[in-house]
Structures are given as C-alpha cells and as structure tokens.
C-alpha cells in the first residue's frame, strides 16, 4: 500500500490503514524506540502507544512540514521519551504547594525557544547530509555511538570525533559558550 493511501485510510479510520501502518512503518518506529527504552516489554508497550497516537493524531500530519516517515519517527520518539518521563515521575512524588510556580513556559520563554529552534534548524541545514544524519541519530534519536558507527561503517572513535567537530561548528554558528548541549 502506498504512503498516501495509508494516510487516507487512517484519516477515514479504516482498520486496513492501521494494519498497513504497522506493517510498513513498524520496523522504523521500533528502530527509533529501541535506544530510548532498554526493557523489551516497555518497548513493545511504547510501540503500541505510538501506533495509537499516530491513529489519533493523523489529522495533525501536514505533508508541507515534512515527510510521513519523519512525522512517525517524531511520534515514536515522543512516545518513548514520554514513557521515560512518566517512569521518572512515578518514582518521585512532587510536593504540592499553593504558591508553586507553573511548569508551563511563559510566552517569552516560548518565543525564545522557537527562536533557538529556528536558529538550530538553520545551522543544521548548513551541514552535509552525512553530518546532519549523524547529529540527529546521536542527539535526537539517542542512538548509541557504537550503533551509529556500525551502521555507517566507521569506528566509534571516528564517530565521536566527527560529532565533536560538528558540535564545535554549531556552537560557533549559534554563539554558544561551550557549556550548552546541542
């Protein structure tokens, strides 16, 4: 089934769309989830959550903003990171207070975050395709250096060196002081 047909069937809430999504994009989604969640049962539960999320949020997919595969990897990644955050929170009860500051960012913080994100995307677009892929795999998809090295036919040391130079170049372009992580 073609990508566009899967999207149309998902939007029409047809079960065949969900089955095709799982069959064609399941391996990609599992690939994104695996480095974030170590427990096999957690990975499978997260995969199910990601599929359900894609089903529920299919209307938010906009082909003008990116590819369907990229959207699905973001859905899978966010599901995995959300699970990690929930597990951390479950172990640590938060104190309640009437004067507790809101955890929501202020409008100024939201604007600054959007500006930083825009500058980072612009700086990343200046990288070669190979460097950009390596950067995303390490810092966005959280893949281990050894996995990146094996899949790109490099040594782990070469990947680490390349990532160091990429970060150094990005810091110079973005005006970072070296204490920030990209």
Protein backbone atom coordinates (compact mmCIF):
# COMPACT_ATOMS: atom_id res chain seq x y z
CA UNK A 1 0.00 0.00 0.00
CA UNK A 2 1.35 3.44 -0.91
CA UNK A 3 2.06 6.09 1.72
CA UNK A 4 -0.73 8.40 0.57
CA UNK A 5 -3.23 5.54 0.64
CA UNK A 6 -2.21 4.66 4.20
CA UNK A 7 -2.69 8.29 5.27
CA UNK A 8 -6.12 8.45 3.60
CA UNK A 9 -7.24 5.19 5.22
CA UNK A 10 -6.02 6.36 8.62
CA UNK A 11 -7.92 9.62 8.23
CA UNK A 12 -11.01 7.63 7.22
CA UNK A 13 -10.48 5.48 10.36
CA UNK A 14 -10.21 2.29 8.32
CA UNK A 15 -8.61 -0.67 10.04
CA UNK A 16 -6.63 -1.56 6.88
CA UNK A 17 -4.78 1.75 7.26
CA UNK A 18 -3.66 0.84 10.78
CA UNK A 19 -2.57 -2.60 9.64
CA UNK A 20 -0.60 -1.15 6.72
CA UNK A 21 0.95 1.46 9.02
CA UNK A 22 2.15 -1.25 11.39
CA UNK A 23 3.41 -3.47 8.57
CA UNK A 24 5.23 -0.79 6.56
CA UNK A 25 6.38 1.64 9.26
CA UNK A 26 6.51 -0.60 12.34
CA UNK A 27 10.19 -1.50 11.90
CA UNK A 28 11.13 2.19 11.59
CA UNK A 29 9.15 3.11 14.69
CA UNK A 30 10.68 0.22 16.67
CA UNK A 31 14.13 1.31 15.49
CA UNK A 32 13.52 4.80 16.93
CA UNK A 33 12.13 3.50 20.24
CA UNK A 34 14.83 0.86 20.90
CA UNK A 35 17.72 3.11 22.00
CA UNK A 36 15.48 5.10 24.35
CA UNK A 37 13.83 2.19 26.21
CA UNK A 38 16.00 -0.69 27.35
CA UNK A 39 13.28 -3.07 28.55
CA UNK A 40 11.73 -5.19 25.76
CA UNK A 41 8.26 -5.09 27.33
CA UNK A 42 8.44 -1.29 27.67
CA UNK A 43 9.49 -1.05 24.01
CA UNK A 44 6.50 -3.11 22.86
CA UNK A 45 4.06 -1.16 25.03
CA UNK A 46 5.54 2.09 23.76
CA UNK A 47 5.26 0.87 20.17
CA UNK A 48 1.55 0.21 20.76
CA UNK A 49 1.16 3.67 22.31
CA UNK A 50 2.94 5.24 19.33
CA UNK A 51 0.67 3.44 16.86
CA UNK A 52 -2.40 4.57 18.80
CA UNK A 53 -1.05 8.11 18.93
CA UNK A 54 -0.47 8.11 15.15
CA UNK A 55 -4.03 6.84 14.67
CA UNK A 56 -5.47 9.53 16.95
CA UNK A 57 -3.31 12.40 15.67
CA UNK A 58 -3.26 11.63 11.94
CA UNK A 59 -5.13 14.88 11.27
CA UNK A 60 -2.12 16.81 12.59
CA UNK A 61 0.13 15.34 9.87
CA UNK A 62 0.99 18.03 7.32
CA UNK A 63 2.98 16.93 4.26
CA UNK A 64 4.11 20.54 3.77
CA UNK A 65 6.03 20.41 7.07
CA UNK A 66 7.80 17.11 6.43
CA UNK A 67 7.54 13.54 5.27
CA UNK A 68 5.18 10.97 6.76
CA UNK A 69 8.14 8.86 7.89
CA UNK A 70 9.66 11.85 9.72
CA UNK A 71 6.31 12.55 11.39
CA UNK A 72 6.04 8.91 12.50
CA UNK A 73 9.59 8.91 13.90
CA UNK A 74 8.72 12.02 15.91
CA UNK A 75 5.54 10.34 17.20
CA UNK A 76 7.53 7.23 18.20
CA UNK A 77 10.34 9.24 19.78
CA UNK A 78 7.92 11.40 21.76
CA UNK A 79 6.06 8.32 22.97
CA UNK A 80 9.32 6.76 24.18
CA UNK A 81 10.54 9.94 25.87
CA UNK A 82 7.12 10.43 27.46
CA UNK A 83 7.30 6.93 28.90
CA UNK A 84 10.78 7.66 30.32
CA UNK A 85 9.49 10.89 31.92
CA UNK A 86 6.45 9.12 33.40
CA UNK A 87 8.65 6.41 34.90
CA UNK A 88 10.92 9.02 36.48
CA UNK A 89 7.94 10.92 37.88
CA UNK A 90 6.35 7.75 39.26
CA UNK A 91 9.38 7.21 41.49
CA UNK A 92 9.49 10.76 42.83
CA UNK A 93 6.39 12.30 44.40
CA UNK A 94 6.24 16.04 43.89
CA UNK A 95 5.42 18.31 46.81
CA UNK A 96 2.20 20.30 46.47
CA UNK A 97 2.09 23.97 47.29
CA UNK A 98 -0.35 26.82 46.76
CA UNK A 99 2.49 29.05 45.61
CA UNK A 100 4.08 26.56 43.28
CA UNK A 101 5.27 28.08 40.00
CA UNK A 102 3.63 26.83 36.85
CA UNK A 103 5.61 24.25 34.94
CA UNK A 104 4.34 25.81 31.70
CA UNK A 105 6.81 28.15 29.96
CA UNK A 106 5.97 31.83 29.85
CA UNK A 107 5.19 33.43 26.47
CA UNK A 108 8.67 34.97 26.49
CA UNK A 109 10.26 31.58 27.13
CA UNK A 110 8.19 30.05 24.33
CA UNK A 111 9.31 32.77 21.91
CA UNK A 112 12.97 32.33 22.87
CA UNK A 113 12.67 28.56 22.46
CA UNK A 114 11.15 28.95 18.99
CA UNK A 115 13.94 31.36 18.00
CA UNK A 116 16.63 28.96 19.29
CA UNK A 117 14.99 26.07 17.45
CA UNK A 118 14.81 28.07 14.25
CA UNK A 119 18.49 29.03 14.50
CA UNK A 120 19.48 25.42 15.20
CA UNK A 121 17.47 24.10 12.23
CA UNK A 122 19.12 26.73 10.04
CA UNK A 123 22.59 25.80 11.29
CA UNK A 124 21.89 22.08 10.82
CA UNK A 125 20.78 22.69 7.24
CA UNK A 126 24.29 24.02 6.57
CA UNK A 127 25.82 20.65 7.46
CA UNK A 128 26.48 17.91 4.95
CA UNK A 129 23.80 15.23 4.71
CA UNK A 130 26.08 12.69 6.44
CA UNK A 131 26.92 15.06 9.32
CA UNK A 132 23.28 16.08 9.76
CA UNK A 133 22.21 12.41 9.83
CA UNK A 134 24.91 11.57 12.37
CA UNK A 135 23.89 14.52 14.58
CA UNK A 136 20.20 13.57 14.51
CA UNK A 137 20.93 9.93 15.22
CA UNK A 138 23.03 10.75 18.28
CA UNK A 139 21.17 13.69 19.82
CA UNK A 140 17.60 13.40 18.52
CA UNK A 141 17.11 9.63 18.28
CA UNK A 142 19.58 8.95 21.13
CA UNK A 143 21.30 6.09 19.36
CA UNK A 144 24.49 4.74 20.93
CA UNK A 145 27.76 5.73 19.26
CA UNK A 146 28.61 2.07 18.61
CA UNK A 147 25.35 1.57 16.70
CA UNK A 148 25.91 4.70 14.59
CA UNK A 149 29.48 3.61 13.85
CA UNK A 150 28.45 0.10 12.84
CA UNK A 151 25.66 1.30 10.57
CA UNK A 152 27.78 3.99 8.91
CA UNK A 153 30.87 1.79 8.52
CA UNK A 154 33.01 3.88 10.88
CA UNK A 155 34.82 3.29 14.15
CA UNK A 156 33.20 4.58 17.35
CA UNK A 157 36.20 6.87 17.86
CA UNK A 158 35.74 8.36 14.37
CA UNK A 159 32.04 8.98 15.10
CA UNK A 160 32.88 10.66 18.42
CA UNK A 161 35.48 12.86 16.75
CA UNK A 162 33.11 13.81 13.96
CA UNK A 163 30.34 14.64 16.45
CA UNK A 164 32.76 16.76 18.47
CA UNK A 165 33.68 18.79 15.37
CA UNK A 166 30.00 19.12 14.39
CA UNK A 167 29.08 20.42 17.86
CA UNK A 168 32.04 22.79 17.84
CA UNK A 169 30.95 24.20 14.45
CA UNK A 170 27.34 24.55 15.62
CA UNK A 171 28.40 26.32 18.83
CA UNK A 172 30.45 28.77 16.79
CA UNK A 173 27.50 29.47 14.46
CA UNK A 174 24.98 29.74 17.29
CA UNK A 175 27.20 31.73 19.63
CA UNK A 176 27.22 29.08 22.39
CA UNK A 177 29.71 29.36 25.23
CA UNK A 178 30.56 25.68 25.22
CA UNK A 179 28.52 24.89 28.34
CA UNK A 180 25.35 24.09 26.43
CA UNK A 181 24.48 20.79 24.81
CA UNK A 182 23.08 20.96 21.28
